[in-house]
Structure formats: C-alpha cells, structure tokens
C-alpha cells in the first residue's frame, strides 16, 4: 500500500467530492437562484454571505477621501476662541509632551481661521460658508467632530484609515466589506477606486486585499482614457477568439485546481471571467452621454470625457446602481502646509458641488437609504500655524457621514475651545470601522479571518465600538 500525506488525502477527498456530487451542487446552485428570484421584491435579499449577523441597514459604501488631511478648524469645527488668540503664543498646557509633526521643538503660535461659519438647513448645522452646495444637503449630514487617529504621516495614516493597521499586507475596509457581503454584480468589480487631484501619491496598498483572496482587492479605474488598462482586446482579436482563449485558460486552471488546493487559483479563474465581461460593462458604465443635462449640470460635469472629481462622483452613483459594493474616490491636494488661505478654498470648490450632488442624486433615486457616504481625510490640521499653513494633527479631526442608518442634521462629539483635542464623543478610526460594519449587518467583533494562526479583524485586537449616538 502506498502511503499518502494528509495534504494529498485532503486533495483526493476534495476531488472525489466535486466529481461525485455534481448534481447535488447543481441543485444547491439552482435553489440559490430561485431564492433570489423569489425575494426579488425584498430590498434585502437572503443571499448575503455568512459575514452578515443581523439585518443590514445599508448595501453600499462610498468613501470620498480628501487625501492630505482637510483642516477641521477651517471647515466643520468653528473655533472663535482660537481666532481671538490668533498670532499669540499657543498655550503650553495643550501641547506639553504631545507628539507634533514638523512643528516639534518650534515656537507655537495660534492660527485662527479666516473662514466664515453659519448655520445651515432646518437642523442649523454649523460649518464653513465655503461649502455653498453642501449647505443645501445639511439636513442629511452627520458631522463627527471628535475623531482621532494614531498616525501622523500620510501613508501610514491612510493605511490606518483603510486597514485599521500600519502593518503592510492587511486587508483594507473595502476588501473586508466585499469579503463579508459579496457583490450584487457579475459584470463589474465589487470594489472600485477612482482618483483625481495632484499632491501626495496614493499607494495601491491602500486598496489591497492583503491576506484575503485577491478577488476582493480594489480595482483602480483611470479618470481619463480607458478606465481599466489592458481590459480590451489586442488589435486583430475579436470577441469570439478572446472567448476561446479564456475558455482554454479556464480549462487549464481548473485541471490544476483538481490536484492543488489554491484559493488564488480559483480567484484567478474568476478574474479572467470578470475581465472578459468588463470589456462590455466598463465602456457602458463610463459612457455618461445618456445622463440628462440637468444631472450633468447638478454635478458640475462640463464634458463627458473629463477626468474630474465631479465626473467621478457621477460614476460613483452609476457604480452603486449597478451593484458595486464599495466605491472609493480619492481627491488629493489637501496637504496645506502653506498657502492655506489660497489652496483650501480651491480644494473645497473642486469637491463641494459634486459631493452635494451625489447625496441629492442618491436621495432622489431612492438609493441614499441603502448607501453610506463617508467624507473626510486621514487626519486633521494643527490649530497652530506653520508659516502660511497648518501641520498634520492626530488629536482631532472631522468626518462627514450621510446615508442609510445615519442621523441627518446631527453633530457628534466636540473638541476643546482651541480645536486641539477631541474631548467629547471621542471616536477612533476603529470605531468608524465598527459602525460601518454594523450598518452592513456585520458584527465587527465576530467577523474575522484566520491567517498564520491568528484571527484578524478590521477593528484591531481590542476592537472598535459602534458609535450608537449617530444611528438613526
């Protein structure tokens, strides 16, 4: 008798199961399809993955990431006491023993805001008048003024915001969401990333699936030209020929998968199929010529082929309409170490109209109740001046939330009188992740993935807390 290793026995058993129970699996698949059809009238079908622990409040997430760190003091957290102190020494009692970025060891002077603030909407939500269009949707907004983070430099701060860790190789929140819920489309990736603006480069590590199967990673769509590189056929290759190539590759990979247990191999098979379908679905998605003139004007889109934040916001709506689970829009240029009074209004003008239009458009189409929108950066800016700008700040920053399950016209948390530290309703990045997963129907403490002998989760070892006060 030939001795067999445990791995070999496992593989043989797997092949036997798949080979001998084809009809059983087929019946299961048919039952799944029929269940979907039977519940077509239910807004919350019963085909979510095992990651769901309770009834979801939302289906989709759109993260509008203002990369560089918008100044909370000049946008959503007015500080009149800081303005009175402008140009004077910043009190040592606030900063003694504290981590500062490039201001460490320097003379610290208070820098008040030149922004004018007023109350907006029926709720009287107070924020900068520079957001003229966001003021129109103020009653849909929830401002988190007590946010804090742990990382004071851009790349690790982005990593922490996306993955809950600064250690490379961890899955990002988009991948965790897709892994837990799956996607409602087979024609497009379940997680799409869009990019605009200049400034600090953004590493593709920020939308990595980490140790999760690669099928859950984000797919970067280009803002100009072909949305996805190399997805089209080479010159002289027709669809039928390409279909034959894909089928042959699929056959070879499936033959190998009968002998080797490799989830990445299975992911590769599905990705080839996805790429083939994207040859048709992506051009249809990015062709916005069919959008009404009124819609284009509402977003501020001037030309269908432009690569602007405004067009990306319109694409974000089209993506969630088509079943994409997680959409991330990066807009760079918010790293205002200098020329704050000139550069910040420019950045606000670039995103204000389209951000507000996205919220209003989703609401008008009945999609806002099932979509969570997150607006903000990776950290805040100091209430002390840095020349003509502000330095990085981790002790306080603001985020905006809107959409399903979120209280509109609501402010949660507060900073001290000078905007240096969150003192009330303090929320961590892990708390944000926990709240996001809770809205998706996921228990953030129970949803884990085992890797190298450890159970990992998005909310870290200690885990975040759901911010219950902001839930509708």
Protein backbone atom coordinates (compact mmCIF):
# COMPACT_ATOMS: atom_id res chain seq x y z
CA UNK A 1 0.00 0.00 0.00
CA UNK A 2 1.29 3.45 -0.91
CA UNK A 3 1.42 5.86 2.00
CA UNK A 4 -0.31 9.18 1.44
CA UNK A 5 0.29 12.51 3.15
CA UNK A 6 -2.58 14.32 4.92
CA UNK A 7 -2.47 17.04 2.26
CA UNK A 8 -2.70 14.50 -0.54
CA UNK A 9 -5.60 12.74 1.17
CA UNK A 10 -7.38 16.07 1.58
CA UNK A 11 -6.92 16.85 -2.11
CA UNK A 12 -8.16 13.41 -3.18
CA UNK A 13 -11.22 13.76 -0.96
CA UNK A 14 -11.88 17.19 -2.41
CA UNK A 15 -11.65 15.87 -5.98
CA UNK A 16 -13.94 12.97 -5.11
CA UNK A 17 -16.50 15.27 -3.55
CA UNK A 18 -16.55 17.64 -6.51
CA UNK A 19 -16.57 14.83 -9.04
CA UNK A 20 -19.22 12.68 -7.40
CA UNK A 21 -21.66 15.27 -6.15
CA UNK A 22 -22.03 17.49 -9.18
CA UNK A 23 -25.79 17.07 -9.26
CA UNK A 24 -26.05 17.97 -5.60
CA UNK A 25 -24.09 21.16 -6.07
CA UNK A 26 -26.19 21.96 -9.11
CA UNK A 27 -29.35 21.60 -7.05
CA UNK A 28 -27.90 23.89 -4.40
CA UNK A 29 -26.99 26.49 -7.00
CA UNK A 30 -30.48 26.27 -8.55
CA UNK A 31 -32.03 26.69 -5.13
CA UNK A 32 -29.91 29.79 -4.56
CA UNK A 33 -31.04 31.30 -7.87
CA UNK A 34 -34.69 30.53 -7.15
CA UNK A 35 -34.35 32.07 -3.69
CA UNK A 36 -33.05 35.26 -5.26
CA UNK A 37 -35.93 35.39 -7.70
CA UNK A 38 -38.49 34.61 -5.01
CA UNK A 39 -37.27 37.54 -2.96
CA UNK A 40 -36.88 39.97 -5.83
CA UNK A 41 -39.39 42.28 -4.21
CA UNK A 42 -37.44 42.40 -0.94
CA UNK A 43 -34.90 45.19 -0.64
CA UNK A 44 -32.74 42.89 1.48
CA UNK A 45 -32.42 39.52 -0.34
CA UNK A 46 -31.28 36.46 1.56
CA UNK A 47 -28.12 35.83 -0.43
CA UNK A 48 -25.59 37.75 1.60
CA UNK A 49 -22.51 35.86 2.72
CA UNK A 50 -22.04 34.34 6.16
CA UNK A 51 -20.42 37.60 7.27
CA UNK A 52 -23.86 39.10 7.95
CA UNK A 53 -25.02 38.72 11.56
CA UNK A 54 -28.12 40.93 11.60
CA UNK A 55 -30.37 42.75 9.15
CA UNK A 56 -28.27 45.30 7.20
CA UNK A 57 -29.13 48.98 7.12
CA UNK A 58 -27.04 49.64 4.02
CA UNK A 59 -25.93 47.82 0.87
CA UNK A 60 -23.18 50.08 -0.43
CA UNK A 61 -20.43 52.38 0.81
CA UNK A 62 -18.95 55.40 -0.97
CA UNK A 63 -15.80 56.78 0.64
CA UNK A 64 -14.97 60.31 -0.51
CA UNK A 65 -11.37 60.53 0.68
CA UNK A 66 -9.88 64.04 0.82
CA UNK A 67 -6.27 62.89 0.77
CA UNK A 68 -3.86 65.11 2.70
CA UNK A 69 -5.98 65.96 5.71
CA UNK A 70 -8.51 68.83 5.49
CA UNK A 71 -8.29 71.36 8.30
CA UNK A 72 -11.23 70.71 10.62
CA UNK A 73 -10.82 74.20 12.08
CA UNK A 74 -11.43 75.82 8.69
CA UNK A 75 -14.25 73.54 7.55
CA UNK A 76 -16.57 71.82 10.04
CA UNK A 77 -15.38 72.80 13.53
CA UNK A 78 -15.60 76.57 14.18
CA UNK A 79 -13.32 77.89 16.94
CA UNK A 80 -13.95 81.58 17.76
CA UNK A 81 -11.65 81.40 20.82
CA UNK A 82 -8.78 80.35 18.57
CA UNK A 83 -9.46 83.31 16.29
CA UNK A 84 -9.20 85.64 19.31
CA UNK A 85 -5.81 84.10 20.13
CA UNK A 86 -4.52 84.42 16.55
CA UNK A 87 -0.82 85.31 16.36
CA UNK A 88 -0.23 84.80 20.07
CA UNK A 89 1.67 82.01 21.81
CA UNK A 90 -0.26 78.78 21.86
CA UNK A 91 -0.77 77.63 25.49
CA UNK A 92 1.85 75.09 26.61
CA UNK A 93 -0.77 73.30 28.66
CA UNK A 94 -2.26 71.90 25.44
CA UNK A 95 0.94 70.69 23.78
CA UNK A 96 3.34 69.73 26.57
CA UNK A 97 4.60 66.18 25.97
CA UNK A 98 2.45 65.82 22.86
CA UNK A 99 3.50 64.36 19.52
CA UNK A 100 3.78 67.01 16.83
CA UNK A 101 4.86 66.52 13.24
CA UNK A 102 7.07 69.21 11.71
CA UNK A 103 6.35 71.70 14.49
CA UNK A 104 8.25 69.70 17.12
CA UNK A 105 10.58 71.99 19.07
CA UNK A 106 9.36 75.16 17.31
CA UNK A 107 7.71 78.25 18.76
CA UNK A 108 4.00 77.59 18.53
CA UNK A 109 1.68 80.42 17.55
CA UNK A 110 -2.09 80.17 17.41
CA UNK A 111 -3.61 80.45 13.95
CA UNK A 112 -7.26 81.40 13.77
CA UNK A 113 -9.48 80.60 10.82
CA UNK A 114 -10.39 83.10 8.15
CA UNK A 115 -13.40 81.00 7.20
CA UNK A 116 -16.85 82.37 7.97
CA UNK A 117 -19.23 79.95 9.62
CA UNK A 118 -23.00 79.92 9.81
CA UNK A 119 -25.86 77.51 10.44
CA UNK A 120 -27.42 75.63 7.55
CA UNK A 121 -30.64 73.74 6.92
CA UNK A 122 -33.55 73.26 9.28
CA UNK A 123 -31.23 71.45 11.68
CA UNK A 124 -28.96 74.50 11.98
CA UNK A 125 -25.81 72.51 11.30
CA UNK A 126 -22.86 74.89 11.64
CA UNK A 127 -19.96 74.73 9.19
CA UNK A 128 -17.95 76.89 6.81
CA UNK A 129 -19.81 79.05 4.30
CA UNK A 130 -17.28 77.90 1.69
CA UNK A 131 -19.39 74.74 1.31
CA UNK A 132 -22.21 76.50 -0.51
CA UNK A 133 -23.60 73.34 -2.09
CA UNK A 134 -23.13 71.08 0.92
CA UNK A 135 -25.21 73.64 2.82
CA UNK A 136 -28.15 72.58 0.63
CA UNK A 137 -27.94 69.00 1.96
CA UNK A 138 -27.04 69.96 5.55
CA UNK A 139 -30.04 68.08 6.96
CA UNK A 140 -28.65 64.84 5.51
CA UNK A 141 -25.20 65.30 7.08
CA UNK A 142 -23.80 63.99 10.33
CA UNK A 143 -20.57 65.68 11.48
CA UNK A 144 -18.18 63.66 13.62
CA UNK A 145 -16.13 66.34 15.38
CA UNK A 146 -14.43 64.05 17.87
CA UNK A 147 -12.36 61.90 15.51
CA UNK A 148 -8.81 60.90 16.46
CA UNK A 149 -6.20 58.74 14.76
CA UNK A 150 -2.84 57.20 15.67
CA UNK A 151 -0.64 58.04 12.67
CA UNK A 152 0.79 61.46 11.95
CA UNK A 153 2.26 60.94 8.46
CA UNK A 154 0.28 60.47 5.26
CA UNK A 155 1.00 56.93 4.06
CA UNK A 156 0.68 55.21 7.46
CA UNK A 157 -2.33 57.40 8.27
CA UNK A 158 -4.02 56.32 5.03
CA UNK A 159 -3.12 52.72 5.83
CA UNK A 160 -4.60 53.06 9.31
CA UNK A 161 -7.78 54.65 7.94
CA UNK A 162 -8.15 51.92 5.33
CA UNK A 163 -6.97 48.81 7.16
CA UNK A 164 -7.02 49.65 10.87
CA UNK A 165 -3.28 48.95 10.99
CA UNK A 166 0.01 50.45 9.81
CA UNK A 167 1.42 46.99 9.09
CA UNK A 168 1.61 46.36 5.35
CA UNK A 169 -0.30 43.43 3.97
CA UNK A 170 -3.52 43.90 5.93
CA UNK A 171 -6.86 43.93 4.05
CA UNK A 172 -8.49 47.32 3.55
CA UNK A 173 -12.04 48.16 4.60
CA UNK A 174 -13.30 47.90 1.03
CA UNK A 175 -11.95 44.36 0.77
CA UNK A 176 -13.36 43.40 4.17
CA UNK A 177 -16.78 44.71 3.09
CA UNK A 178 -16.73 42.83 -0.20
CA UNK A 179 -15.47 39.69 1.57
CA UNK A 180 -18.32 39.86 4.05
CA UNK A 181 -21.19 40.79 1.75
CA UNK A 182 -20.14 39.78 -1.74
CA UNK A 183 -21.21 41.93 -4.69
CA UNK A 184 -24.52 42.27 -6.48
CA UNK A 185 -22.87 42.41 -9.88
CA UNK A 186 -21.03 39.88 -12.00
CA UNK A 187 -20.20 42.42 -14.70
CA UNK A 188 -18.06 44.82 -12.66
CA UNK A 189 -15.60 44.54 -9.77
CA UNK A 190 -17.29 44.68 -6.38
CA UNK A 191 -14.78 47.31 -5.19
CA UNK A 192 -13.75 50.23 -7.41
CA UNK A 193 -11.24 53.06 -6.76
CA UNK A 194 -11.20 56.42 -8.56
CA UNK A 195 -8.52 59.13 -8.31
CA UNK A 196 -8.28 62.88 -9.01
CA UNK A 197 -6.18 65.86 -7.94
CA UNK A 198 -2.48 66.44 -7.50
CA UNK A 199 -0.21 66.18 -4.49
CA UNK A 200 0.86 63.23 -2.39
CA UNK A 201 0.83 59.93 -4.33
CA UNK A 202 -1.50 57.24 -3.03
CA UNK A 203 -0.10 53.72 -2.79
CA UNK A 204 -2.11 50.88 -4.34
CA UNK A 205 -1.55 49.16 -0.99
CA UNK A 206 -4.46 51.28 0.25
CA UNK A 207 -6.97 49.18 -1.70
CA UNK A 208 -5.18 45.85 -1.30
CA UNK A 209 -6.98 42.69 -0.20
CA UNK A 210 -3.96 41.80 1.94
CA UNK A 211 -4.17 38.20 3.07
CA UNK A 212 -7.76 37.85 1.81
CA UNK A 213 -8.18 36.27 -1.64
CA UNK A 214 -7.10 38.72 -4.34
CA UNK A 215 -10.57 38.79 -5.89
CA UNK A 216 -11.56 41.15 -3.05
CA UNK A 217 -8.98 43.85 -3.81
CA UNK A 218 -10.00 47.22 -5.23
CA UNK A 219 -9.71 47.89 -8.95
CA UNK A 220 -8.38 51.33 -9.89
CA UNK A 221 -10.33 52.98 -12.71
CA UNK A 222 -8.43 55.65 -14.64
CA UNK A 223 -10.06 59.08 -14.74
CA UNK A 224 -9.12 59.67 -18.40
CA UNK A 225 -8.88 57.38 -21.40
CA UNK A 226 -9.59 53.70 -20.91
CA UNK A 227 -10.98 53.26 -17.41
CA UNK A 228 -9.16 49.94 -16.98
CA UNK A 229 -5.83 49.27 -18.68
CA UNK A 230 -5.41 46.15 -20.81
CA UNK A 231 -9.02 45.00 -20.43
CA UNK A 232 -9.71 45.46 -24.15
CA UNK A 233 -8.76 43.02 -26.89
CA UNK A 234 -5.47 43.50 -28.76
CA UNK A 235 -5.71 44.65 -32.36
CA UNK A 236 -6.95 41.87 -34.63
CA UNK A 237 -8.51 39.81 -31.82
CA UNK A 238 -12.30 39.51 -31.92
CA UNK A 239 -14.62 38.64 -29.02
CA UNK A 240 -15.14 35.03 -30.15
CA UNK A 241 -11.39 34.43 -30.33
CA UNK A 242 -10.90 36.01 -26.92
CA UNK A 243 -13.70 33.84 -25.54
CA UNK A 244 -11.88 30.74 -26.81
CA UNK A 245 -8.64 31.88 -25.17
CA UNK A 246 -10.40 32.48 -21.84
CA UNK A 247 -12.10 29.09 -22.02
CA UNK A 248 -8.79 27.32 -22.67
CA UNK A 249 -7.07 29.13 -19.79
CA UNK A 250 -10.02 28.33 -17.55
CA UNK A 251 -9.80 24.66 -18.53
CA UNK A 252 -6.09 24.52 -17.70
CA UNK A 253 -6.56 26.27 -14.37
CA UNK A 254 -9.47 24.01 -13.42
CA UNK A 255 -7.39 20.97 -14.32
CA UNK A 256 -4.69 22.20 -11.96
CA UNK A 257 -7.23 23.01 -9.24
CA UNK A 258 -8.30 19.34 -9.25
CA UNK A 259 -4.86 18.46 -7.92
CA UNK A 260 -3.87 21.50 -5.84
CA UNK A 261 -5.85 23.36 -3.19
CA UNK A 262 -5.19 27.00 -4.02
CA UNK A 263 -7.74 29.75 -3.44
CA UNK A 264 -5.67 32.14 -5.52
CA UNK A 265 -6.02 29.79 -8.47
CA UNK A 266 -9.78 29.88 -8.07
CA UNK A 267 -9.63 33.66 -7.80
CA UNK A 268 -7.56 33.79 -11.00
CA UNK A 269 -10.24 31.82 -12.88
CA UNK A 270 -12.97 34.21 -11.73
CA UNK A 271 -10.82 37.27 -12.53
CA UNK A 272 -10.28 36.13 -16.12
CA UNK A 273 -14.04 35.80 -16.48
CA UNK A 274 -14.60 39.20 -14.88
CA UNK A 275 -12.09 40.85 -17.21
CA UNK A 276 -13.89 39.39 -20.22
CA UNK A 277 -17.26 40.70 -19.06
CA UNK A 278 -15.74 44.10 -18.25
CA UNK A 279 -14.92 44.58 -21.93
CA UNK A 280 -18.61 45.32 -22.35
CA UNK A 281 -19.68 46.57 -18.92
CA UNK A 282 -16.94 49.18 -18.33
CA UNK A 283 -17.47 51.16 -21.56
CA UNK A 284 -21.21 51.18 -20.84
CA UNK A 285 -20.55 52.40 -17.28
CA UNK A 286 -18.20 55.22 -18.25
CA UNK A 287 -20.32 56.45 -21.17
CA UNK A 288 -22.28 59.14 -19.39
CA UNK A 289 -23.69 60.67 -22.59
CA UNK A 290 -27.07 59.23 -21.68
CA UNK A 291 -27.25 61.26 -18.46
CA UNK A 292 -29.61 64.22 -18.60
CA UNK A 293 -28.30 67.75 -18.99
CA UNK A 294 -29.85 68.56 -15.63
CA UNK A 295 -27.90 65.77 -13.92
CA UNK A 296 -24.62 66.77 -15.57
CA UNK A 297 -25.10 70.39 -14.50
CA UNK A 298 -26.00 69.35 -10.95
CA UNK A 299 -22.67 67.52 -10.56
CA UNK A 300 -20.74 70.23 -12.40
CA UNK A 301 -19.66 67.92 -15.23
CA UNK A 302 -18.90 70.02 -18.32
CA UNK A 303 -17.70 67.33 -20.73
CA UNK A 304 -18.38 63.59 -20.77
CA UNK A 305 -14.68 62.78 -21.25
CA UNK A 306 -13.26 64.91 -18.46
CA UNK A 307 -11.30 63.31 -15.63
CA UNK A 308 -12.60 65.39 -12.74
CA UNK A 309 -13.86 64.72 -9.24
CA UNK A 310 -17.30 65.78 -10.45
CA UNK A 311 -17.39 63.05 -13.08
CA UNK A 312 -16.06 60.51 -10.57
CA UNK A 313 -18.93 61.34 -8.20
CA UNK A 314 -21.37 60.74 -11.04
CA UNK A 315 -19.60 57.45 -11.80
CA UNK A 316 -19.88 56.51 -8.12
CA UNK A 317 -23.65 56.78 -8.36
CA UNK A 318 -23.65 54.71 -11.56
CA UNK A 319 -21.44 52.09 -9.91
CA UNK A 320 -23.68 51.54 -6.88
CA UNK A 321 -26.69 51.45 -9.19
CA UNK A 322 -25.03 48.51 -10.93
CA UNK A 323 -24.35 46.59 -7.76
CA UNK A 324 -20.78 47.61 -6.88
CA UNK A 325 -20.42 47.22 -3.13
CA UNK A 326 -17.63 49.68 -2.24
CA UNK A 327 -16.53 52.79 -4.14
CA UNK A 328 -13.60 54.91 -3.06
CA UNK A 329 -12.90 58.36 -4.52
CA UNK A 330 -9.51 59.85 -3.72
CA UNK A 331 -9.13 63.60 -4.22
CA UNK A 332 -5.59 64.73 -3.49
CA UNK A 333 -4.21 68.15 -2.65
CA UNK A 334 -5.41 68.79 0.93
CA UNK A 335 -1.91 68.79 2.48
CA UNK A 336 -1.91 72.51 3.23
CA UNK A 337 1.41 73.18 4.97
CA UNK A 338 1.48 76.55 3.22
CA UNK A 339 -0.83 78.96 1.38
CA UNK A 340 -3.78 77.59 3.36
CA UNK A 341 -5.96 80.63 2.71
CA UNK A 342 -5.45 80.22 -1.05
CA UNK A 343 -5.28 76.45 -1.51
CA UNK A 344 -8.03 75.31 0.87
CA UNK A 345 -10.81 77.31 -0.87
CA UNK A 346 -9.64 75.80 -4.18
CA UNK A 347 -9.92 72.26 -2.87
CA UNK A 348 -13.35 72.97 -1.39
CA UNK A 349 -14.55 74.43 -4.67
CA UNK A 350 -13.33 71.33 -6.52
CA UNK A 351 -15.40 68.94 -4.39
CA UNK A 352 -18.28 70.90 -2.87
CA UNK A 353 -20.80 70.82 -5.71
CA UNK A 354 -20.25 67.23 -6.77
CA UNK A 355 -20.25 65.86 -3.21
CA UNK A 356 -23.58 67.55 -2.51
CA UNK A 357 -24.97 66.47 -5.88
CA UNK A 358 -24.05 62.85 -5.16
CA UNK A 359 -26.02 62.92 -1.90
CA UNK A 360 -29.01 64.66 -3.51
CA UNK A 361 -28.96 62.37 -6.56
CA UNK A 362 -28.83 59.19 -4.48
CA UNK A 363 -31.68 60.52 -2.34
CA UNK A 364 -33.80 61.40 -5.35
CA UNK A 365 -33.30 57.90 -6.78
CA UNK A 366 -34.10 56.16 -3.50
CA UNK A 367 -30.52 54.93 -3.09
CA UNK A 368 -29.33 57.09 -0.18
CA UNK A 369 -31.15 54.96 2.41
CA UNK A 370 -29.10 51.94 1.36
CA UNK A 371 -25.78 53.74 0.87
CA UNK A 372 -23.32 55.09 3.45
CA UNK A 373 -21.24 58.09 2.37
CA UNK A 374 -18.04 58.93 4.26
CA UNK A 375 -16.36 62.30 3.53
CA UNK A 376 -13.01 63.31 5.02
CA UNK A 377 -9.27 62.82 5.23
CA UNK A 378 -6.79 60.72 7.13
CA UNK A 379 -6.21 63.27 9.95
CA UNK A 380 -6.73 66.95 10.80
CA UNK A 381 -4.53 70.05 10.90
CA UNK A 382 -3.00 71.89 13.83
CA UNK A 383 -4.60 74.96 15.43
CA UNK A 384 -1.03 76.30 15.49
CA UNK A 385 0.33 77.93 12.37
CA UNK A 386 3.10 76.55 10.19
CA UNK A 387 4.14 79.57 8.18
CA UNK A 388 1.11 80.23 5.98
CA UNK A 389 -0.40 76.77 6.62
CA UNK A 390 -1.08 74.11 9.23
CA UNK A 391 0.80 70.93 10.15
CA UNK A 392 -0.54 67.35 10.49
CA UNK A 393 -2.67 66.68 13.54
CA UNK A 394 -3.92 63.40 15.04
CA UNK A 395 -5.69 64.53 18.22
CA UNK A 396 -8.74 65.95 16.47
CA UNK A 397 -10.34 65.99 13.05
CA UNK A 398 -13.81 65.95 11.49
CA UNK A 399 -15.57 63.49 9.21
CA UNK A 400 -18.93 63.75 7.46
CA UNK A 401 -21.34 60.85 7.20
CA UNK A 402 -24.60 60.65 5.28
CA UNK A 403 -26.99 57.97 4.16
CA UNK A 404 -28.62 54.81 5.42
CA UNK A 405 -28.89 54.37 9.17
CA UNK A 406 -27.26 57.74 9.96
CA UNK A 407 -28.90 60.69 11.75
CA UNK A 408 -29.09 63.66 9.43
CA UNK A 409 -28.57 67.22 10.64
CA UNK A 410 -26.60 65.89 13.60
CA UNK A 411 -23.29 66.72 15.29
CA UNK A 412 -21.49 64.11 17.33
CA UNK A 413 -18.52 64.91 19.55
CA UNK A 414 -16.60 68.10 20.19
CA UNK A 415 -13.07 69.42 20.51
CA UNK A 416 -11.71 71.79 23.13
CA UNK A 417 -12.07 75.55 22.74
CA UNK A 418 -8.97 75.76 20.55
CA UNK A 419 -9.66 72.68 18.42
CA UNK A 420 -6.55 70.87 19.65
CA UNK A 421 -8.03 67.72 21.15
CA UNK A 422 -11.30 65.80 20.93
CA UNK A 423 -12.89 65.98 24.38
CA UNK A 424 -16.44 64.75 23.90
CA UNK A 425 -17.84 61.92 21.82
CA UNK A 426 -14.29 60.84 21.04
CA UNK A 427 -14.25 58.34 18.17
CA UNK A 428 -11.32 56.32 16.84
CA UNK A 429 -10.78 55.01 13.34
CA UNK A 430 -11.63 51.56 14.70
CA UNK A 431 -14.93 52.98 16.00
CA UNK A 432 -15.67 54.25 12.49
CA UNK A 433 -14.92 50.79 11.07
CA UNK A 434 -17.11 49.11 13.68
CA UNK A 435 -20.00 51.46 12.91
CA UNK A 436 -19.60 50.92 9.18
CA UNK A 437 -19.64 47.13 9.57
CA UNK A 438 -22.61 47.29 11.95
CA UNK A 439 -24.60 49.19 9.31
CA UNK A 440 -23.67 46.47 6.81
CA UNK A 441 -25.19 43.86 9.11
CA UNK A 442 -21.81 42.62 10.30
CA UNK A 443 -20.81 42.09 13.92
CA UNK A 444 -17.39 43.83 13.92
CA UNK A 445 -16.14 41.67 16.79
CA UNK A 446 -17.24 38.35 15.32
CA UNK A 447 -16.26 38.92 11.69
CA UNK A 448 -12.69 37.60 11.46
CA UNK A 449 -10.33 35.85 9.06
CA UNK A 450 -7.72 33.36 10.22
CA UNK A 451 -4.24 33.98 8.84
CA UNK A 452 -0.98 32.41 10.02
CA UNK A 453 -2.73 31.02 13.09
CA UNK A 454 -4.30 34.30 14.20
CA UNK A 455 -7.85 35.62 13.90
CA UNK A 456 -7.72 39.06 12.27
CA UNK A 457 -10.46 41.66 12.02
CA UNK A 458 -10.74 45.17 10.60
CA UNK A 459 -11.31 46.74 14.02
CA UNK A 460 -8.00 45.56 15.50
CA UNK A 461 -7.13 43.49 18.55
CA UNK A 462 -9.18 45.45 21.08
CA UNK A 463 -11.93 46.19 18.57
CA UNK A 464 -13.82 49.39 17.93
CA UNK A 465 -17.15 50.44 19.40
CA UNK A 466 -20.23 51.18 17.32
CA UNK A 467 -21.00 54.92 17.56
CA UNK A 468 -24.60 54.36 18.58
CA UNK A 469 -25.45 58.03 19.06
CA UNK A 470 -25.27 58.70 15.32
CA UNK A 471 -27.53 55.80 14.31
CA UNK A 472 -30.99 56.73 13.12
